[in-house]
């Protein structure tokens, strides 16, 4: 599998309402050759659950321990 042309890094800490907006914005772009790396800083379950609702293989969730 080839690497995507664009990597988008979205850092977050317990801001699921803002994260949802950011993910939706990325997915609405016309260029589709990207990956989204969402990195949590010891996030609560709500944030991880939100990311899990997106079944797009280009979206990856990494929650780092506090």
C-alpha atoms as a PDB file:
ATOM      1  CA  UNK A   1       0.000   0.000   0.000  1.00  0.00           C
ATOM      2  CA  UNK A   2       1.371   3.416  -0.977  1.00  0.00           C
ATOM      3  CA  UNK A   3       1.724   6.211   1.526  1.00  0.00           C
ATOM      4  CA  UNK A   4      -0.918   8.926   1.373  1.00  0.00           C
ATOM      5  CA  UNK A   5       0.003  12.286  -0.140  1.00  0.00           C
ATOM      6  CA  UNK A   6      -1.055  14.154   3.006  1.00  0.00           C
ATOM      7  CA  UNK A   7      -0.874  13.290   6.705  1.00  0.00           C
ATOM      8  CA  UNK A   8      -3.085  15.322   9.012  1.00  0.00           C
ATOM      9  CA  UNK A   9      -2.193  15.386  12.692  1.00  0.00           C
ATOM     10  CA  UNK A  10      -5.011  16.292  15.085  1.00  0.00           C
ATOM     11  CA  UNK A  11      -3.877  16.567  18.710  1.00  0.00           C
ATOM     12  CA  UNK A  12      -6.683  16.589  21.274  1.00  0.00           C
ATOM     13  CA  UNK A  13      -7.462  16.466  24.963  1.00  0.00           C
ATOM     14  CA  UNK A  14     -11.084  15.818  25.933  1.00  0.00           C
ATOM     15  CA  UNK A  15     -12.661  18.086  23.327  1.00  0.00           C
ATOM     16  CA  UNK A  16     -14.955  15.676  21.445  1.00  0.00           C
ATOM     17  CA  UNK A  17     -17.235  18.463  20.184  1.00  0.00           C
ATOM     18  CA  UNK A  18     -14.286  20.256  18.587  1.00  0.00           C
ATOM     19  CA  UNK A  19     -12.715  17.020  17.368  1.00  0.00           C
ATOM     20  CA  UNK A  20     -15.949  15.999  15.636  1.00  0.00           C
ATOM     21  CA  UNK A  21     -15.982  19.314  13.767  1.00  0.00           C
ATOM     22  CA  UNK A  22     -12.327  18.871  12.736  1.00  0.00           C
ATOM     23  CA  UNK A  23     -12.829  15.284  11.510  1.00  0.00           C
ATOM     24  CA  UNK A  24     -15.931  16.262   9.533  1.00  0.00           C
ATOM     25  CA  UNK A  25     -13.996  19.120   7.935  1.00  0.00           C
ATOM     26  CA  UNK A  26     -11.197  16.799   6.811  1.00  0.00           C
ATOM     27  CA  UNK A  27     -13.635  14.221   5.426  1.00  0.00           C
ATOM     28  CA  UNK A  28     -15.440  16.943   3.440  1.00  0.00           C
ATOM     29  CA  UNK A  29     -12.324  17.806   1.415  1.00  0.00           C
ATOM     30  CA  UNK A  30     -12.268  16.988  -2.282  1.00  0.00           C
ATOM     31  CA  UNK A  31      -8.770  15.477  -2.181  1.00  0.00           C
ATOM     32  CA  UNK A  32      -9.107  11.977  -0.735  1.00  0.00           C
ATOM     33  CA  UNK A  33      -5.473  10.812  -0.602  1.00  0.00           C
ATOM     34  CA  UNK A  34      -4.833  11.508   3.081  1.00  0.00           C
ATOM     35  CA  UNK A  35      -4.549   9.936   6.498  1.00  0.00           C
ATOM     36  CA  UNK A  36      -5.750  11.466   9.754  1.00  0.00           C
ATOM     37  CA  UNK A  37      -3.675  10.748  12.826  1.00  0.00           C
ATOM     38  CA  UNK A  38      -5.623  11.740  15.934  1.00  0.00           C
ATOM     39  CA  UNK A  39      -3.430  11.832  19.023  1.00  0.00           C
ATOM     40  CA  UNK A  40      -5.044  12.100  22.416  1.00  0.00           C
ATOM     41  CA  UNK A  41      -3.264  13.309  25.529  1.00  0.00           C
ATOM     42  CA  UNK A  42      -4.733  10.943  28.113  1.00  0.00           C
ATOM     43  CA  UNK A  43      -8.295  11.464  26.892  1.00  0.00           C
ATOM     44  CA  UNK A  44     -11.482  10.258  28.519  1.00  0.00           C
ATOM     45  CA  UNK A  45     -13.572   7.460  27.010  1.00  0.00           C
ATOM     46  CA  UNK A  46     -15.965   9.880  25.296  1.00  0.00           C
ATOM     47  CA  UNK A  47     -13.227  11.117  22.984  1.00  0.00           C
ATOM     48  CA  UNK A  48     -12.124   7.614  21.975  1.00  0.00           C
ATOM     49  CA  UNK A  49     -15.727   6.549  21.463  1.00  0.00           C
ATOM     50  CA  UNK A  50     -16.297   9.498  19.139  1.00  0.00           C
ATOM     51  CA  UNK A  51     -13.313   8.552  16.977  1.00  0.00           C
ATOM     52  CA  UNK A  52     -14.527   4.929  16.891  1.00  0.00           C
ATOM     53  CA  UNK A  53     -17.792   6.043  15.259  1.00  0.00           C
ATOM     54  CA  UNK A  54     -15.828   6.851  12.092  1.00  0.00           C
ATOM     55  CA  UNK A  55     -15.288   3.646  10.131  1.00  0.00           C
ATOM     56  CA  UNK A  56     -12.925   5.284   7.632  1.00  0.00           C
ATOM     57  CA  UNK A  57      -9.615   3.376   7.442  1.00  0.00           C
ATOM     58  CA  UNK A  58      -7.779   6.658   6.867  1.00  0.00           C
ATOM     59  CA  UNK A  59      -8.543   7.729  10.443  1.00  0.00           C
ATOM     60  CA  UNK A  60      -6.269   6.375  13.176  1.00  0.00           C
ATOM     61  CA  UNK A  61      -6.607   6.963  16.927  1.00  0.00           C
ATOM     62  CA  UNK A  62      -3.652   7.033  19.331  1.00  0.00           C
ATOM     63  CA  UNK A  63      -4.342   7.914  22.955  1.00  0.00           C
ATOM     64  CA  UNK A  64      -1.139   8.511  24.861  1.00  0.00           C
ATOM     65  CA  UNK A  65      -1.150   7.843  28.613  1.00  0.00           C
ATOM     66  CA  UNK A  66      -1.165  10.821  30.910  1.00  0.00           C
END
